[in-house]
Amino acid sequence: MMEIIERKENPLLDRVELVFSWEHPNEPTPSRTQMVNAAAKSEPGADKNLIFVKNVETRFGMSRTSGIALVYGSEESASIEPEYVTERHKKQNETSEEESSEGPEKEQEQETEDGGEG
């Protein structure tokens, strides 16, 4: 579960900066999508497409991940993020949507292909 350590409003850049820590004992490191969703829950009314997770760090052998989530108020203000950061988040959102919408269909396709070969 994500714990917000520090919440700082930055009106000049039209964003809220959240420093977080995430304890995940006996579980894998949370995905970027999970972190964005958790940050969206902690900031009511936030648009998931305008949340950028940065500086994510998990120390070896520990079940604690820390990082920063930047929650922007508009697309215009989010445009200051470097292009590689926005591309990384777009790819993450696309793959998570594909997995959720096409997951069961892909499994069924694999089953039929396996059955046809044997």
C-alpha atoms as a PDB file:
ATOM      1  CA  MET A   1       0.000   0.000   0.000  1.00  0.00           C
ATOM      2  CA  MET A   2       1.319   3.415  -0.963  1.00  0.00           C
ATOM      3  CA  GLU A   3       2.089   5.787   1.896  1.00  0.00           C
ATOM      4  CA  ILE A   4       2.476   9.485   1.113  1.00  0.00           C
ATOM      5  CA  ILE A   5       5.503  10.766   3.028  1.00  0.00           C
ATOM      6  CA  GLU A   6       5.370  14.346   1.778  1.00  0.00           C
ATOM      7  CA  ARG A   7       2.812  16.313  -0.229  1.00  0.00           C
ATOM      8  CA  LYS A   8       3.953  19.587  -1.729  1.00  0.00           C
ATOM      9  CA  GLU A   9       1.843  21.897  -3.863  1.00  0.00           C
ATOM     10  CA  ASN A  10       3.749  23.680  -6.591  1.00  0.00           C
ATOM     11  CA  PRO A  11       1.390  26.337  -8.006  1.00  0.00           C
ATOM     12  CA  LEU A  12       4.061  27.788 -10.277  1.00  0.00           C
ATOM     13  CA  LEU A  13       4.243  24.525 -12.238  1.00  0.00           C
ATOM     14  CA  ASP A  14       0.546  23.661 -11.616  1.00  0.00           C
ATOM     15  CA  ARG A  15       1.339  20.338  -9.996  1.00  0.00           C
ATOM     16  CA  VAL A  16       1.308  18.451  -6.717  1.00  0.00           C
ATOM     17  CA  GLU A  17       4.484  16.591  -5.824  1.00  0.00           C
ATOM     18  CA  LEU A  18       4.012  13.410  -3.801  1.00  0.00           C
ATOM     19  CA  VAL A  19       6.971  11.666  -2.201  1.00  0.00           C
ATOM     20  CA  PHE A  20       5.869   8.115  -1.471  1.00  0.00           C
ATOM     21  CA  SER A  21       6.969   4.853   0.066  1.00  0.00           C
ATOM     22  CA  TRP A  22       5.334   1.524  -0.771  1.00  0.00           C
ATOM     23  CA  GLU A  23       5.705  -1.516   1.472  1.00  0.00           C
ATOM     24  CA  HIS A  24       5.161  -4.755  -0.480  1.00  0.00           C
ATOM     25  CA  PRO A  25       6.167  -7.734   1.685  1.00  0.00           C
ATOM     26  CA  ASN A  26       5.931 -11.118  -0.080  1.00  0.00           C
ATOM     27  CA  GLU A  27       4.922  -9.368  -3.329  1.00  0.00           C
ATOM     28  CA  PRO A  28       6.823  -8.195  -6.403  1.00  0.00           C
ATOM     29  CA  THR A  29       7.738  -4.554  -6.898  1.00  0.00           C
ATOM     30  CA  PRO A  30       4.600  -2.619  -7.908  1.00  0.00           C
ATOM     31  CA  SER A  31       4.333  -1.697 -11.575  1.00  0.00           C
ATOM     32  CA  ARG A  32       4.368   1.896 -12.784  1.00  0.00           C
ATOM     33  CA  THR A  33       0.649   1.557 -13.558  1.00  0.00           C
ATOM     34  CA  GLN A  34      -0.086   0.481  -9.970  1.00  0.00           C
ATOM     35  CA  MET A  35       1.874   3.466  -8.676  1.00  0.00           C
ATOM     36  CA  VAL A  36      -0.004   5.887 -10.959  1.00  0.00           C
ATOM     37  CA  ASN A  37      -3.353   4.405  -9.854  1.00  0.00           C
ATOM     38  CA  ALA A  38      -2.411   4.709  -6.176  1.00  0.00           C
ATOM     39  CA  ALA A  39      -1.289   8.321  -6.657  1.00  0.00           C
ATOM     40  CA  ALA A  40      -4.596   9.071  -8.427  1.00  0.00           C
ATOM     41  CA  LYS A  41      -6.511   7.685  -5.435  1.00  0.00           C
ATOM     42  CA  SER A  42      -4.579   9.902  -3.035  1.00  0.00           C
ATOM     43  CA  GLU A  43      -5.322  13.008  -5.138  1.00  0.00           C
ATOM     44  CA  PRO A  44      -9.084  13.172  -5.781  1.00  0.00           C
ATOM     45  CA  GLY A  45      -9.992  14.439  -9.237  1.00  0.00           C
ATOM     46  CA  ALA A  46      -6.540  13.746 -10.694  1.00  0.00           C
ATOM     47  CA  ASP A  47      -6.288  12.607 -14.316  1.00  0.00           C
ATOM     48  CA  LYS A  48      -4.206   9.404 -14.563  1.00  0.00           C
ATOM     49  CA  ASN A  49      -2.784  10.607 -17.889  1.00  0.00           C
ATOM     50  CA  LEU A  50      -1.311  13.641 -16.103  1.00  0.00           C
ATOM     51  CA  ILE A  51       0.453  11.675 -13.347  1.00  0.00           C
ATOM     52  CA  PHE A  52       4.133  10.912 -13.815  1.00  0.00           C
ATOM     53  CA  VAL A  53       6.058   8.589 -11.486  1.00  0.00           C
ATOM     54  CA  LYS A  54       9.793   9.282 -11.249  1.00  0.00           C
ATOM     55  CA  ASN A  55      12.847   8.353  -9.210  1.00  0.00           C
ATOM     56  CA  VAL A  56      11.459   4.923  -8.326  1.00  0.00           C
ATOM     57  CA  GLU A  57      13.911   2.929  -6.251  1.00  0.00           C
ATOM     58  CA  THR A  58      13.702  -0.495  -4.635  1.00  0.00           C
ATOM     59  CA  ARG A  59      16.698  -1.505  -2.589  1.00  0.00           C
ATOM     60  CA  PHE A  60      17.945  -5.030  -3.172  1.00  0.00           C
ATOM     61  CA  GLY A  61      16.584  -7.496  -0.652  1.00  0.00           C
ATOM     62  CA  MET A  62      14.018  -5.080   0.747  1.00  0.00           C
ATOM     63  CA  SER A  63      10.285  -4.970   0.161  1.00  0.00           C
ATOM     64  CA  ARG A  64      10.063  -1.181   0.112  1.00  0.00           C
ATOM     65  CA  THR A  65       9.859   1.015  -2.972  1.00  0.00           C
ATOM     66  CA  SER A  66      10.130   4.790  -2.877  1.00  0.00           C
ATOM     67  CA  GLY A  67       9.681   7.475  -5.485  1.00  0.00           C
ATOM     68  CA  ILE A  68       8.001  10.702  -6.545  1.00  0.00           C
ATOM     69  CA  ALA A  69       4.634  11.114  -8.245  1.00  0.00           C
ATOM     70  CA  LEU A  70       3.987  14.391 -10.059  1.00  0.00           C
ATOM     71  CA  VAL A  71       0.283  15.172 -10.450  1.00  0.00           C
ATOM     72  CA  TYR A  72      -0.295  17.912 -13.031  1.00  0.00           C
ATOM     73  CA  GLY A  73      -3.420  20.037 -13.251  1.00  0.00           C
ATOM     74  CA  SER A  74      -3.554  20.287 -17.054  1.00  0.00           C
ATOM     75  CA  GLU A  75      -1.964  18.902 -20.219  1.00  0.00           C
ATOM     76  CA  GLU A  76      -0.389  22.293 -20.838  1.00  0.00           C
ATOM     77  CA  SER A  77       1.427  22.265 -17.499  1.00  0.00           C
ATOM     78  CA  ALA A  78       2.439  18.600 -17.981  1.00  0.00           C
ATOM     79  CA  SER A  79       4.166  19.538 -21.248  1.00  0.00           C
ATOM     80  CA  ILE A  80       7.301  20.508 -19.284  1.00  0.00           C
ATOM     81  CA  GLU A  81       8.033  16.812 -18.703  1.00  0.00           C
ATOM     82  CA  PRO A  82      10.715  15.468 -21.057  1.00  0.00           C
ATOM     83  CA  GLU A  83       9.438  13.565 -24.079  1.00  0.00           C
ATOM     84  CA  TYR A  84      10.991  10.256 -22.997  1.00  0.00           C
ATOM     85  CA  VAL A  85       9.065  10.421 -19.699  1.00  0.00           C
ATOM     86  CA  THR A  86       5.731  11.063 -21.407  1.00  0.00           C
ATOM     87  CA  GLU A  87       6.424   8.281 -23.949  1.00  0.00           C
ATOM     88  CA  ARG A  88       7.294   5.827 -21.170  1.00  0.00           C
ATOM     89  CA  HIS A  89       4.032   6.584 -19.377  1.00  0.00           C
ATOM     90  CA  LYS A  90       1.999   6.364 -22.599  1.00  0.00           C
ATOM     91  CA  LYS A  91       3.475   2.934 -23.366  1.00  0.00           C
ATOM     92  CA  GLN A  92       2.744   1.780 -19.824  1.00  0.00           C
ATOM     93  CA  ASN A  93      -0.886   2.933 -20.092  1.00  0.00           C
ATOM     94  CA  GLU A  94      -1.315   1.245 -23.487  1.00  0.00           C
ATOM     95  CA  THR A  95       0.068  -2.103 -22.317  1.00  0.00           C
ATOM     96  CA  SER A  96      -2.035  -2.095 -19.159  1.00  0.00           C
ATOM     97  CA  GLU A  97      -5.186  -1.381 -21.172  1.00  0.00           C
ATOM     98  CA  GLU A  98      -4.350  -4.158 -23.656  1.00  0.00           C
ATOM     99  CA  GLU A  99      -3.727  -6.655 -20.875  1.00  0.00           C
ATOM    100  CA  SER A 100      -7.008  -5.863 -19.159  1.00  0.00           C
ATOM    101  CA  SER A 101      -9.111  -5.895 -22.348  1.00  0.00           C
ATOM    102  CA  GLU A 102      -7.409  -8.698 -24.297  1.00  0.00           C
ATOM    103  CA  GLY A 103      -6.045 -10.952 -21.547  1.00  0.00           C
ATOM    104  CA  PRO A 104      -8.655 -13.749 -21.644  1.00  0.00           C
ATOM    105  CA  GLU A 105      -8.912 -13.655 -25.453  1.00  0.00           C
ATOM    106  CA  LYS A 106      -5.172 -14.227 -25.880  1.00  0.00           C
ATOM    107  CA  GLU A 107      -5.302 -17.265 -23.591  1.00  0.00           C
ATOM    108  CA  GLN A 108      -8.152 -18.758 -25.624  1.00  0.00           C
ATOM    109  CA  GLU A 109      -6.251 -18.213 -28.884  1.00  0.00           C
ATOM    110  CA  GLN A 110      -3.210 -20.028 -27.503  1.00  0.00           C
ATOM    111  CA  GLU A 111      -5.340 -22.973 -26.404  1.00  0.00           C
ATOM    112  CA  THR A 112      -6.857 -23.373 -29.889  1.00  0.00           C
ATOM    113  CA  GLU A 113      -3.430 -23.123 -31.541  1.00  0.00           C
ATOM    114  CA  ASP A 114      -2.002 -25.794 -29.252  1.00  0.00           C
ATOM    115  CA  GLY A 115      -4.970 -28.087 -29.919  1.00  0.00           C
ATOM    116  CA  GLY A 116      -4.599 -27.712 -33.696  1.00  0.00           C
ATOM    117  CA  GLU A 117      -0.952 -28.779 -33.745  1.00  0.00           C
ATOM    118  CA  GLY A 118      -1.350 -32.068 -31.864  1.00  0.00           C
END
